[in-house]
């Protein structure tokens, strides 16, 4: 799993290194860590929400009631991932050549598509599960 996360980071880093602005290694690396955090954070929150819904459909009342403690519990793993990814990947700002294999035009296009498609697919999955588990009212 860590290798997949590293590959996704390197893809974001390579795409950032090829852009016209903020392409210097330090900025590109910081932005790649932020992008990775956004995608992975979304995935983590949705995975926890999906697992919770499948195990206990009554979990929905916490979501709808905007339960503060529940929201904190939901976000802690995403924040922990952000801290971990910053510590793990910030060293790449000094070795931009590590991202060279993902700098081709087709690799950058795939990376840009993944940045949109992964969170969107996860949000749609959660929406589908919410729809399936939503109590039906009769008229």
C-alpha atoms as a PDB file:
ATOM      1  CA  UNK A   1       0.000   0.000   0.000  1.00  0.00           C
ATOM      2  CA  UNK A   2       2.820   2.400   0.859  1.00  0.00           C
ATOM      3  CA  UNK A   3       4.319   1.863  -2.607  1.00  0.00           C
ATOM      4  CA  UNK A   4       1.007   2.806  -4.287  1.00  0.00           C
ATOM      5  CA  UNK A   5       0.831   5.937  -2.178  1.00  0.00           C
ATOM      6  CA  UNK A   6       4.405   6.801  -3.136  1.00  0.00           C
ATOM      7  CA  UNK A   7       3.635   6.272  -6.828  1.00  0.00           C
ATOM      8  CA  UNK A   8       0.601   8.550  -6.574  1.00  0.00           C
ATOM      9  CA  UNK A   9       2.748  11.181  -4.825  1.00  0.00           C
ATOM     10  CA  UNK A  10       5.448  10.897  -7.514  1.00  0.00           C
ATOM     11  CA  UNK A  11       2.801  11.302 -10.202  1.00  0.00           C
ATOM     12  CA  UNK A  12       1.523  14.497  -8.579  1.00  0.00           C
ATOM     13  CA  UNK A  13       5.096  15.715  -8.102  1.00  0.00           C
ATOM     14  CA  UNK A  14       5.991  15.052 -11.744  1.00  0.00           C
ATOM     15  CA  UNK A  15       2.862  16.834 -12.968  1.00  0.00           C
ATOM     16  CA  UNK A  16       3.703  19.813 -10.755  1.00  0.00           C
ATOM     17  CA  UNK A  17       7.302  19.896 -11.986  1.00  0.00           C
ATOM     18  CA  UNK A  18       6.075  20.165 -15.591  1.00  0.00           C
ATOM     19  CA  UNK A  19       3.646  23.039 -15.063  1.00  0.00           C
ATOM     20  CA  UNK A  20       4.432  26.599 -16.082  1.00  0.00           C
ATOM     21  CA  UNK A  21       4.344  28.188 -12.624  1.00  0.00           C
ATOM     22  CA  UNK A  22       5.382  26.993  -9.159  1.00  0.00           C
ATOM     23  CA  UNK A  23       7.417  24.283 -10.884  1.00  0.00           C
ATOM     24  CA  UNK A  24      10.532  24.612  -8.709  1.00  0.00           C
ATOM     25  CA  UNK A  25      11.110  21.408  -6.713  1.00  0.00           C
ATOM     26  CA  UNK A  26      10.233  22.786  -3.256  1.00  0.00           C
ATOM     27  CA  UNK A  27       6.875  24.254  -4.381  1.00  0.00           C
ATOM     28  CA  UNK A  28       6.066  21.289  -6.607  1.00  0.00           C
ATOM     29  CA  UNK A  29       6.767  18.896  -3.737  1.00  0.00           C
ATOM     30  CA  UNK A  30       4.669  20.873  -1.235  1.00  0.00           C
ATOM     31  CA  UNK A  31       1.802  21.026  -3.706  1.00  0.00           C
ATOM     32  CA  UNK A  32       2.085  17.282  -4.436  1.00  0.00           C
ATOM     33  CA  UNK A  33       1.881  16.528  -0.707  1.00  0.00           C
ATOM     34  CA  UNK A  34      -1.218  18.722  -0.485  1.00  0.00           C
ATOM     35  CA  UNK A  35      -2.788  17.012  -3.494  1.00  0.00           C
ATOM     36  CA  UNK A  36      -2.001  13.579  -2.061  1.00  0.00           C
ATOM     37  CA  UNK A  37      -3.519  14.629   1.259  1.00  0.00           C
ATOM     38  CA  UNK A  38      -6.671  15.837  -0.472  1.00  0.00           C
ATOM     39  CA  UNK A  39      -7.149  12.623  -2.451  1.00  0.00           C
ATOM     40  CA  UNK A  40      -6.146  10.267   0.364  1.00  0.00           C
ATOM     41  CA  UNK A  41      -8.025  12.271   2.996  1.00  0.00           C
ATOM     42  CA  UNK A  42     -11.169  12.035   0.911  1.00  0.00           C
ATOM     43  CA  UNK A  43     -10.589   8.308   0.429  1.00  0.00           C
ATOM     44  CA  UNK A  44      -9.993   7.746   4.148  1.00  0.00           C
ATOM     45  CA  UNK A  45     -13.072   9.664   5.270  1.00  0.00           C
ATOM     46  CA  UNK A  46     -15.283   7.973   2.686  1.00  0.00           C
ATOM     47  CA  UNK A  47     -13.864   4.511   3.477  1.00  0.00           C
ATOM     48  CA  UNK A  48     -14.592   5.007   7.171  1.00  0.00           C
ATOM     49  CA  UNK A  49     -18.063   6.338   6.422  1.00  0.00           C
ATOM     50  CA  UNK A  50     -18.800   3.467   4.022  1.00  0.00           C
ATOM     51  CA  UNK A  51     -17.569   0.816   6.452  1.00  0.00           C
ATOM     52  CA  UNK A  52     -19.593   2.403   9.251  1.00  0.00           C
ATOM     53  CA  UNK A  53     -22.715   2.439   7.099  1.00  0.00           C
ATOM     54  CA  UNK A  54     -22.307  -1.184   6.095  1.00  0.00           C
ATOM     55  CA  UNK A  55     -21.701  -2.335   9.665  1.00  0.00           C
ATOM     56  CA  UNK A  56     -24.340  -0.133  11.281  1.00  0.00           C
ATOM     57  CA  UNK A  57     -26.865   1.704   9.114  1.00  0.00           C
ATOM     58  CA  UNK A  58     -28.064   3.510  12.274  1.00  0.00           C
ATOM     59  CA  UNK A  59     -24.793   5.406  12.098  1.00  0.00           C
ATOM     60  CA  UNK A  60     -26.516   7.880   9.797  1.00  0.00           C
ATOM     61  CA  UNK A  61     -28.164   9.754  12.652  1.00  0.00           C
ATOM     62  CA  UNK A  62     -24.701  10.930  13.785  1.00  0.00           C
ATOM     63  CA  UNK A  63     -24.029  12.311  10.327  1.00  0.00           C
ATOM     64  CA  UNK A  64     -27.386  14.026   9.979  1.00  0.00           C
ATOM     65  CA  UNK A  65     -27.239  15.427  13.531  1.00  0.00           C
ATOM     66  CA  UNK A  66     -23.805  16.936  12.785  1.00  0.00           C
ATOM     67  CA  UNK A  67     -22.429  15.224  15.882  1.00  0.00           C
ATOM     68  CA  UNK A  68     -19.172  17.079  16.663  1.00  0.00           C
ATOM     69  CA  UNK A  69     -17.468  14.158  18.381  1.00  0.00           C
ATOM     70  CA  UNK A  70     -18.327  11.868  15.502  1.00  0.00           C
ATOM     71  CA  UNK A  71     -16.930  14.321  12.950  1.00  0.00           C
ATOM     72  CA  UNK A  72     -13.675  14.559  14.926  1.00  0.00           C
ATOM     73  CA  UNK A  73     -13.386  10.755  15.034  1.00  0.00           C
ATOM     74  CA  UNK A  74     -14.040  10.636  11.300  1.00  0.00           C
ATOM     75  CA  UNK A  75     -11.329  13.220  10.532  1.00  0.00           C
ATOM     76  CA  UNK A  76      -8.534  11.999  12.841  1.00  0.00           C
ATOM     77  CA  UNK A  77      -7.253   9.310  10.411  1.00  0.00           C
ATOM     78  CA  UNK A  78      -7.209  11.823   7.528  1.00  0.00           C
ATOM     79  CA  UNK A  79      -5.224  14.328   9.604  1.00  0.00           C
ATOM     80  CA  UNK A  80      -2.841  11.573  10.716  1.00  0.00           C
ATOM     81  CA  UNK A  81      -2.293  10.654   7.056  1.00  0.00           C
ATOM     82  CA  UNK A  82      -1.554  14.283   6.181  1.00  0.00           C
ATOM     83  CA  UNK A  83       1.087  14.474   8.921  1.00  0.00           C
ATOM     84  CA  UNK A  84       2.605  11.141   7.870  1.00  0.00           C
ATOM     85  CA  UNK A  85       2.712  12.086   4.175  1.00  0.00           C
ATOM     86  CA  UNK A  86       4.381  15.402   4.922  1.00  0.00           C
ATOM     87  CA  UNK A  87       7.100  13.667   6.941  1.00  0.00           C
ATOM     88  CA  UNK A  88       7.514  10.884   4.393  1.00  0.00           C
ATOM     89  CA  UNK A  89       7.527  12.846   1.142  1.00  0.00           C
ATOM     90  CA  UNK A  90       9.014  16.262   1.961  1.00  0.00           C
ATOM     91  CA  UNK A  91      12.494  14.788   1.348  1.00  0.00           C
ATOM     92  CA  UNK A  92      11.643  14.531  -2.359  1.00  0.00           C
ATOM     93  CA  UNK A  93      11.956  18.301  -2.732  1.00  0.00           C
ATOM     94  CA  UNK A  94      15.705  17.675  -2.896  1.00  0.00           C
ATOM     95  CA  UNK A  95      15.467  14.860  -5.442  1.00  0.00           C
ATOM     96  CA  UNK A  96      13.090  15.864  -8.244  1.00  0.00           C
ATOM     97  CA  UNK A  97      14.654  13.230 -10.516  1.00  0.00           C
ATOM     98  CA  UNK A  98      12.680  10.611  -8.552  1.00  0.00           C
ATOM     99  CA  UNK A  99       9.580  11.742 -10.455  1.00  0.00           C
ATOM    100  CA  UNK A 100      11.156  11.619 -13.927  1.00  0.00           C
ATOM    101  CA  UNK A 101       9.374   8.428 -15.018  1.00  0.00           C
ATOM    102  CA  UNK A 102       5.989  10.181 -14.594  1.00  0.00           C
ATOM    103  CA  UNK A 103       6.820  13.379 -16.528  1.00  0.00           C
ATOM    104  CA  UNK A 104       5.667  12.283 -19.983  1.00  0.00           C
ATOM    105  CA  UNK A 105       2.647  14.055 -21.413  1.00  0.00           C
ATOM    106  CA  UNK A 106       0.476  10.926 -21.174  1.00  0.00           C
ATOM    107  CA  UNK A 107       1.563  10.261 -17.575  1.00  0.00           C
ATOM    108  CA  UNK A 108       0.737  13.843 -16.576  1.00  0.00           C
ATOM    109  CA  UNK A 109      -2.674  13.607 -18.278  1.00  0.00           C
ATOM    110  CA  UNK A 110      -3.401  10.365 -16.420  1.00  0.00           C
ATOM    111  CA  UNK A 111      -2.328  11.962 -13.136  1.00  0.00           C
ATOM    112  CA  UNK A 112      -4.588  14.958 -13.697  1.00  0.00           C
ATOM    113  CA  UNK A 113      -7.484  12.621 -14.463  1.00  0.00           C
ATOM    114  CA  UNK A 114      -6.790  10.550 -11.339  1.00  0.00           C
ATOM    115  CA  UNK A 115      -6.832  13.704  -9.224  1.00  0.00           C
ATOM    116  CA  UNK A 116     -10.435  14.277 -10.251  1.00  0.00           C
ATOM    117  CA  UNK A 117     -11.708  10.738 -10.829  1.00  0.00           C
ATOM    118  CA  UNK A 118     -10.588   9.095  -7.557  1.00  0.00           C
ATOM    119  CA  UNK A 119     -12.398  11.480  -5.177  1.00  0.00           C
ATOM    120  CA  UNK A 120     -15.414  11.730  -7.495  1.00  0.00           C
ATOM    121  CA  UNK A 121     -15.765   7.941  -7.691  1.00  0.00           C
ATOM    122  CA  UNK A 122     -15.490   7.644  -3.912  1.00  0.00           C
ATOM    123  CA  UNK A 123     -18.091  10.362  -3.352  1.00  0.00           C
ATOM    124  CA  UNK A 124     -20.442   8.640  -5.807  1.00  0.00           C
ATOM    125  CA  UNK A 125     -19.896   5.324  -3.995  1.00  0.00           C
ATOM    126  CA  UNK A 126     -20.798   6.904  -0.662  1.00  0.00           C
ATOM    127  CA  UNK A 127     -23.847   8.607  -2.205  1.00  0.00           C
ATOM    128  CA  UNK A 128     -24.983   5.268  -3.639  1.00  0.00           C
ATOM    129  CA  UNK A 129     -24.617   3.543  -0.280  1.00  0.00           C
ATOM    130  CA  UNK A 130     -26.471   6.397   1.449  1.00  0.00           C
ATOM    131  CA  UNK A 131     -29.250   6.090  -1.141  1.00  0.00           C
ATOM    132  CA  UNK A 132     -29.506   2.335  -0.671  1.00  0.00           C
ATOM    133  CA  UNK A 133     -29.603   2.598   3.102  1.00  0.00           C
ATOM    134  CA  UNK A 134     -31.926   5.618   3.230  1.00  0.00           C
ATOM    135  CA  UNK A 135     -35.193   4.751   4.931  1.00  0.00           C
ATOM    136  CA  UNK A 136     -37.999   4.762   2.404  1.00  0.00           C
ATOM    137  CA  UNK A 137     -41.099   6.769   3.215  1.00  0.00           C
ATOM    138  CA  UNK A 138     -44.444   5.860   1.784  1.00  0.00           C
ATOM    139  CA  UNK A 139     -46.834   8.529   0.556  1.00  0.00           C
END
